[in-house]
């Protein structure tokens, strides 16, 4: 007869995601942000034939890439939070690499680490301030 604790081991184990620099376990600090392709070249890079890639983009404006996403992780060795491009391979194996800038345009729901390019430097700095001085913030030196 099986013990009760042996029967309850059907829960999934932790994902085996390791830092590419230090080979230590990465701790997730964000949700998964799926990646979409909107050009046939992006689908061809992932193994689709040119004909199938063109057909997929023509029928749908965007195609969600299965098994790929952007996610932020904390590394104990680096002591930093870093955004990674994660690919799920066979046998619950994962390929982790630092997210290149061009993937940020393909992901939905992420904030670009460099900030929105259409926002001025003054607005960016003001949004990070912890105190608010009101009109005093706009005083001119003269």
Protein backbone atom coordinates (compact mmCIF):
# COMPACT_ATOMS: atom_id res chain seq x y z
CA UNK A 1 0.00 0.00 0.00
CA UNK A 2 1.28 3.47 -0.94
CA UNK A 3 1.77 6.13 1.66
CA UNK A 4 -0.35 9.25 1.34
CA UNK A 5 2.71 11.50 0.83
CA UNK A 6 3.80 9.43 -2.18
CA UNK A 7 0.44 9.86 -3.87
CA UNK A 8 0.48 13.66 -3.56
CA UNK A 9 3.69 14.11 -5.55
CA UNK A 10 1.89 14.93 -8.80
CA UNK A 11 2.48 18.64 -8.37
CA UNK A 12 4.82 20.20 -10.88
CA UNK A 13 8.38 20.82 -9.82
CA UNK A 14 10.14 24.18 -10.03
CA UNK A 15 11.24 25.22 -13.50
CA UNK A 16 14.91 24.53 -14.03
CA UNK A 17 16.02 28.03 -15.06
CA UNK A 18 19.64 28.90 -14.38
CA UNK A 19 21.67 32.08 -14.76
CA UNK A 20 23.68 31.97 -18.01
CA UNK A 21 26.61 33.71 -16.25
CA UNK A 22 26.83 31.87 -12.90
CA UNK A 23 24.77 28.68 -13.46
CA UNK A 24 22.80 29.33 -10.22
CA UNK A 25 19.00 29.05 -9.95
CA UNK A 26 17.00 32.07 -11.18
CA UNK A 27 14.03 33.29 -9.13
CA UNK A 28 11.11 34.69 -11.12
CA UNK A 29 10.11 38.25 -10.16
CA UNK A 30 7.53 38.95 -12.88
CA UNK A 31 4.86 37.30 -14.93
CA UNK A 32 5.49 35.74 -18.32
CA UNK A 33 5.08 38.16 -21.23
CA UNK A 34 4.32 36.29 -24.48
CA UNK A 35 6.15 37.16 -27.69
CA UNK A 36 4.36 37.75 -30.99
CA UNK A 37 5.60 37.75 -34.56
CA UNK A 38 4.22 40.28 -37.04
CA UNK A 39 6.62 39.65 -39.94
CA UNK A 40 7.27 36.52 -41.97
CA UNK A 41 11.04 36.76 -41.32
CA UNK A 42 10.47 36.33 -37.59
CA UNK A 43 8.57 33.10 -38.23
CA UNK A 44 11.20 31.86 -40.70
CA UNK A 45 13.91 32.32 -38.05
CA UNK A 46 11.96 29.88 -35.90
CA UNK A 47 11.80 27.15 -38.53
CA UNK A 48 8.69 27.88 -40.63
CA UNK A 49 9.03 27.72 -44.40
CA UNK A 50 8.76 31.00 -46.29
CA UNK A 51 5.40 30.03 -47.79
CA UNK A 52 3.85 29.05 -44.44
CA UNK A 53 5.27 32.14 -42.74
CA UNK A 54 3.81 34.47 -45.39
CA UNK A 55 0.46 32.69 -45.19
CA UNK A 56 0.35 32.92 -41.37
CA UNK A 57 1.11 36.66 -41.38
CA UNK A 58 -1.38 37.30 -44.21
CA UNK A 59 -4.26 35.54 -42.42
CA UNK A 60 -3.50 36.99 -38.97
CA UNK A 61 -1.80 40.27 -38.19
CA UNK A 62 0.21 38.72 -35.34
CA UNK A 63 1.14 35.15 -34.49
CA UNK A 64 1.90 34.15 -30.89
CA UNK A 65 5.18 32.27 -30.64
CA UNK A 66 4.58 29.08 -28.66
CA UNK A 67 7.07 28.29 -25.92
CA UNK A 68 8.76 31.74 -25.91
CA UNK A 69 8.34 34.66 -23.55
CA UNK A 70 10.07 37.49 -21.69
CA UNK A 71 10.34 37.28 -17.92
CA UNK A 72 12.30 39.08 -15.20
CA UNK A 73 14.45 36.99 -12.85
CA UNK A 74 16.56 37.59 -9.76
CA UNK A 75 20.02 36.02 -9.62
CA UNK A 76 21.51 35.42 -6.15
CA UNK A 77 25.08 35.72 -7.46
CA UNK A 78 24.55 38.91 -9.51
CA UNK A 79 22.21 40.41 -6.91
CA UNK A 80 20.28 42.05 -9.75
CA UNK A 81 17.00 41.70 -11.58
CA UNK A 82 17.44 41.01 -15.28
CA UNK A 83 15.00 40.46 -18.16
CA UNK A 84 15.50 37.20 -20.03
CA UNK A 85 14.19 35.63 -23.22
CA UNK A 86 13.04 32.14 -22.24
CA UNK A 87 12.46 29.28 -24.70
CA UNK A 88 10.87 26.04 -23.62
CA UNK A 89 12.50 23.00 -25.20
CA UNK A 90 11.52 19.32 -25.07
CA UNK A 91 11.57 17.40 -21.76
CA UNK A 92 10.78 20.53 -19.68
CA UNK A 93 14.18 22.01 -20.47
CA UNK A 94 14.60 25.76 -20.91
CA UNK A 95 17.00 27.98 -22.84
CA UNK A 96 17.60 31.32 -21.10
CA UNK A 97 19.34 34.33 -22.65
CA UNK A 98 19.38 38.05 -21.92
CA UNK A 99 16.49 39.69 -23.79
CA UNK A 100 17.76 41.56 -26.88
CA UNK A 101 16.25 45.02 -27.54
CA UNK A 102 14.36 43.93 -30.69
CA UNK A 103 12.27 41.45 -28.66
CA UNK A 104 10.78 44.25 -26.57
CA UNK A 105 8.75 45.39 -29.59
CA UNK A 106 7.41 41.85 -30.04
CA UNK A 107 6.23 41.39 -26.44
CA UNK A 108 2.98 42.69 -25.02
CA UNK A 109 2.62 44.15 -21.54
CA UNK A 110 6.27 44.92 -20.81
CA UNK A 111 7.82 48.28 -20.06
CA UNK A 112 10.97 48.99 -22.01
CA UNK A 113 13.95 49.26 -19.64
CA UNK A 114 15.21 52.39 -21.44
CA UNK A 115 11.79 54.04 -21.08
CA UNK A 116 9.34 55.32 -23.65
CA UNK A 117 11.27 57.19 -26.36
CA UNK A 118 8.40 59.66 -26.86
CA UNK A 119 8.64 60.91 -23.24
CA UNK A 120 10.91 63.88 -22.50
CA UNK A 121 13.86 63.64 -20.12
CA UNK A 122 12.19 66.14 -17.74
CA UNK A 123 9.04 63.99 -17.50
CA UNK A 124 11.10 60.83 -16.98
CA UNK A 125 13.11 62.41 -14.14
CA UNK A 126 10.00 63.95 -12.57
CA UNK A 127 8.21 60.61 -12.50
CA UNK A 128 11.05 59.06 -10.49
CA UNK A 129 11.07 61.77 -7.81
CA UNK A 130 9.81 60.85 -4.38
CA UNK A 131 8.94 64.40 -3.29
CA UNK A 132 6.69 66.93 -4.95
CA UNK A 133 7.49 70.63 -4.66
CA UNK A 134 4.70 71.92 -6.91
CA UNK A 135 5.50 75.25 -8.55
CA UNK A 136 8.95 75.27 -6.91
CA UNK A 137 10.00 72.48 -9.28
CA UNK A 138 9.65 74.89 -12.19
CA UNK A 139 11.63 77.79 -10.73
CA UNK A 140 14.11 79.40 -13.09
CA UNK A 141 17.66 80.26 -12.20
CA UNK A 142 18.20 83.79 -13.24
